[in-house]
Amino acid sequence: MLFAIPTITAIQRTTLILTVLTAATLLEFVSAAAALASIMGAAVMIVNFYLLALVGRFLLASARNSGGPSAAGMLLPPLKLFFVIAAVYLIVDSGRINIPGFLAGILTQFAAIFIEAWRASARPAAGITGAGGA
């Protein structure tokens, strides 16, 4: 059975669209501070996802070139995670951000992943032409 997988580009595009919609909704119904915080939350998630893709490519390339994953390649994912956690901590700890708006922005990435996974599964996978693959 073939599975359709959403692309990183599609997820990032959907995240950007959801960010604009979320920020506009928060601006209209809540406050400008909540809208700005949602943009900041979504920006953190977009950068995190982009860096995850870069780290994954580096890890696979280094493993391919050296016959196995390098020590530096294995340290990159937890190091990236540490920096993202530190950035979120500093943003929240500053006390200058609307926390519910920030969380709404963070959740746009998760919503985009679910939307794109649904869209990918709704498309027929390449090579399947009918019931039973015949």
Protein backbone atom coordinates (compact mmCIF):
# COMPACT_ATOMS: atom_id res chain seq x y z
CA MET A 1 0.00 0.00 0.00
CA LEU A 2 1.39 3.41 -0.97
CA PHE A 3 0.95 6.38 1.31
CA ALA A 4 0.90 10.01 0.27
CA ILE A 5 3.06 12.16 2.54
CA PRO A 6 2.63 15.93 2.89
CA THR A 7 5.62 18.02 1.92
CA ILE A 8 7.39 20.40 4.25
CA THR A 9 6.68 23.24 1.82
CA ALA A 10 2.95 22.48 1.90
CA ILE A 11 2.92 22.39 5.69
CA GLN A 12 4.81 25.69 5.93
CA ARG A 13 2.48 27.32 3.40
CA THR A 14 -0.59 26.15 5.31
CA THR A 15 0.97 27.35 8.57
CA LEU A 16 1.48 30.79 7.05
CA ILE A 17 -2.12 30.93 5.84
CA LEU A 18 -3.44 29.80 9.24
CA THR A 19 -1.19 32.37 10.94
CA VAL A 20 -2.68 35.20 8.91
CA LEU A 21 -6.22 33.97 9.60
CA THR A 22 -5.52 33.52 13.32
CA ALA A 23 -3.89 36.92 13.68
CA ALA A 24 -6.72 38.64 11.80
CA THR A 25 -9.32 36.90 13.96
CA LEU A 26 -7.50 37.79 17.18
CA LEU A 27 -7.05 41.38 16.01
CA GLU A 28 -10.76 41.68 15.27
CA PHE A 29 -12.17 39.94 18.33
CA VAL A 30 -9.49 40.06 21.07
CA SER A 31 -6.65 42.58 20.83
CA ALA A 32 -3.67 43.72 18.83
CA ALA A 33 -1.35 42.25 21.50
CA ALA A 34 -2.91 38.80 21.05
CA ALA A 35 -2.61 39.07 17.27
CA LEU A 36 1.07 40.05 17.48
CA ALA A 37 1.74 37.26 19.97
CA SER A 38 0.12 34.71 17.64
CA ILE A 39 2.40 35.87 14.83
CA MET A 40 5.41 35.45 17.13
CA GLY A 41 4.29 31.96 18.17
CA ALA A 42 3.79 30.89 14.59
CA ALA A 43 7.17 32.36 13.62
CA VAL A 44 8.87 30.26 16.30
CA MET A 45 7.17 27.13 14.96
CA ILE A 46 7.96 27.93 11.31
CA VAL A 47 11.63 28.50 12.13
CA ASN A 48 11.67 25.33 14.26
CA PHE A 49 10.20 23.23 11.43
CA TYR A 50 12.60 24.74 8.90
CA LEU A 51 15.59 24.03 11.14
CA LEU A 52 14.32 20.50 11.71
CA ALA A 53 14.31 19.93 7.95
CA LEU A 54 17.85 21.31 7.64
CA VAL A 55 19.12 19.18 10.53
CA GLY A 56 17.46 16.10 9.03
CA ARG A 57 19.07 16.71 5.66
CA PHE A 58 22.47 17.25 7.30
CA LEU A 59 22.11 14.08 9.37
CA LEU A 60 21.18 11.99 6.33
CA ALA A 61 23.93 13.51 4.18
CA SER A 62 26.61 12.96 6.81
CA ALA A 63 25.44 9.38 7.34
CA ARG A 64 25.49 8.73 3.59
CA ASN A 65 28.98 10.20 3.15
CA SER A 66 30.66 8.56 6.13
CA GLY A 67 28.85 5.23 6.28
CA GLY A 68 26.95 6.14 9.44
CA PRO A 69 25.76 9.12 11.44
CA SER A 70 28.48 11.39 12.77
CA ALA A 71 28.68 12.52 16.38
CA ALA A 72 28.03 16.12 15.34
CA GLY A 73 24.99 15.02 13.36
CA MET A 74 23.59 13.13 16.33
CA LEU A 75 24.04 16.18 18.59
CA LEU A 76 22.22 18.59 16.29
CA PRO A 77 18.57 17.54 16.91
CA PRO A 78 18.74 17.85 20.73
CA LEU A 79 20.78 21.05 20.44
CA LYS A 80 18.17 22.55 18.10
CA LEU A 81 15.44 21.51 20.51
CA PHE A 82 17.31 23.14 23.39
CA PHE A 83 17.60 26.44 21.50
CA VAL A 84 13.89 26.43 20.59
CA ILE A 85 12.92 25.73 24.21
CA ALA A 86 15.27 28.47 25.39
CA ALA A 87 13.80 30.94 22.88
CA VAL A 88 10.23 30.14 23.95
CA TYR A 89 11.24 30.43 27.62
CA LEU A 90 12.83 33.84 27.07
CA ILE A 91 9.82 35.09 25.11
CA VAL A 92 7.33 33.92 27.74
CA ASP A 93 9.50 34.91 30.72
CA SER A 94 9.83 38.47 29.42
CA GLY A 95 6.21 39.01 30.45
CA ARG A 96 5.61 41.26 27.46
CA ILE A 97 3.66 38.79 25.38
CA ASN A 98 0.05 37.70 25.38
CA ILE A 99 0.30 34.02 26.33
CA PRO A 100 -3.04 32.82 24.85
CA GLY A 101 -2.20 34.56 21.58
CA PHE A 102 1.29 33.03 21.57
CA LEU A 103 -0.19 29.57 22.13
CA ALA A 104 -2.70 30.15 19.32
CA GLY A 105 0.22 30.92 17.03
CA ILE A 106 2.08 27.80 18.11
CA LEU A 107 -0.99 25.67 17.45
CA THR A 108 -1.18 26.85 13.83
CA GLN A 109 1.74 24.53 13.00
CA PHE A 110 -0.03 21.50 14.44
CA ALA A 111 -3.26 22.40 12.65
CA ALA A 112 -1.32 22.79 9.39
CA ILE A 113 0.25 19.35 9.80
CA PHE A 114 -3.17 17.76 10.32
CA ILE A 115 -4.68 19.65 7.38
CA GLU A 116 -1.85 18.71 5.02
CA ALA A 117 -1.88 15.08 6.16
CA TRP A 118 -5.60 14.97 5.42
CA ARG A 119 -5.09 16.62 2.03
CA ALA A 120 -2.28 14.21 1.14
CA SER A 121 -4.37 11.19 2.14
CA ALA A 122 -7.31 12.46 0.09
CA ARG A 123 -5.17 12.48 -3.08
CA PRO A 124 -4.66 9.17 -4.83
CA ALA A 125 -1.14 7.85 -4.36
CA ALA A 126 0.98 7.46 -7.50
CA GLY A 127 0.71 4.08 -9.14
CA ILE A 128 -2.67 3.07 -7.71
CA THR A 129 -5.27 2.81 -10.44
CA GLY A 130 -8.23 1.11 -8.85
CA ALA A 131 -9.48 -1.28 -6.22
CA GLY A 132 -6.72 -3.59 -5.12
CA GLY A 133 -4.12 -1.61 -7.10
CA ALA A 134 -5.10 -3.26 -10.41
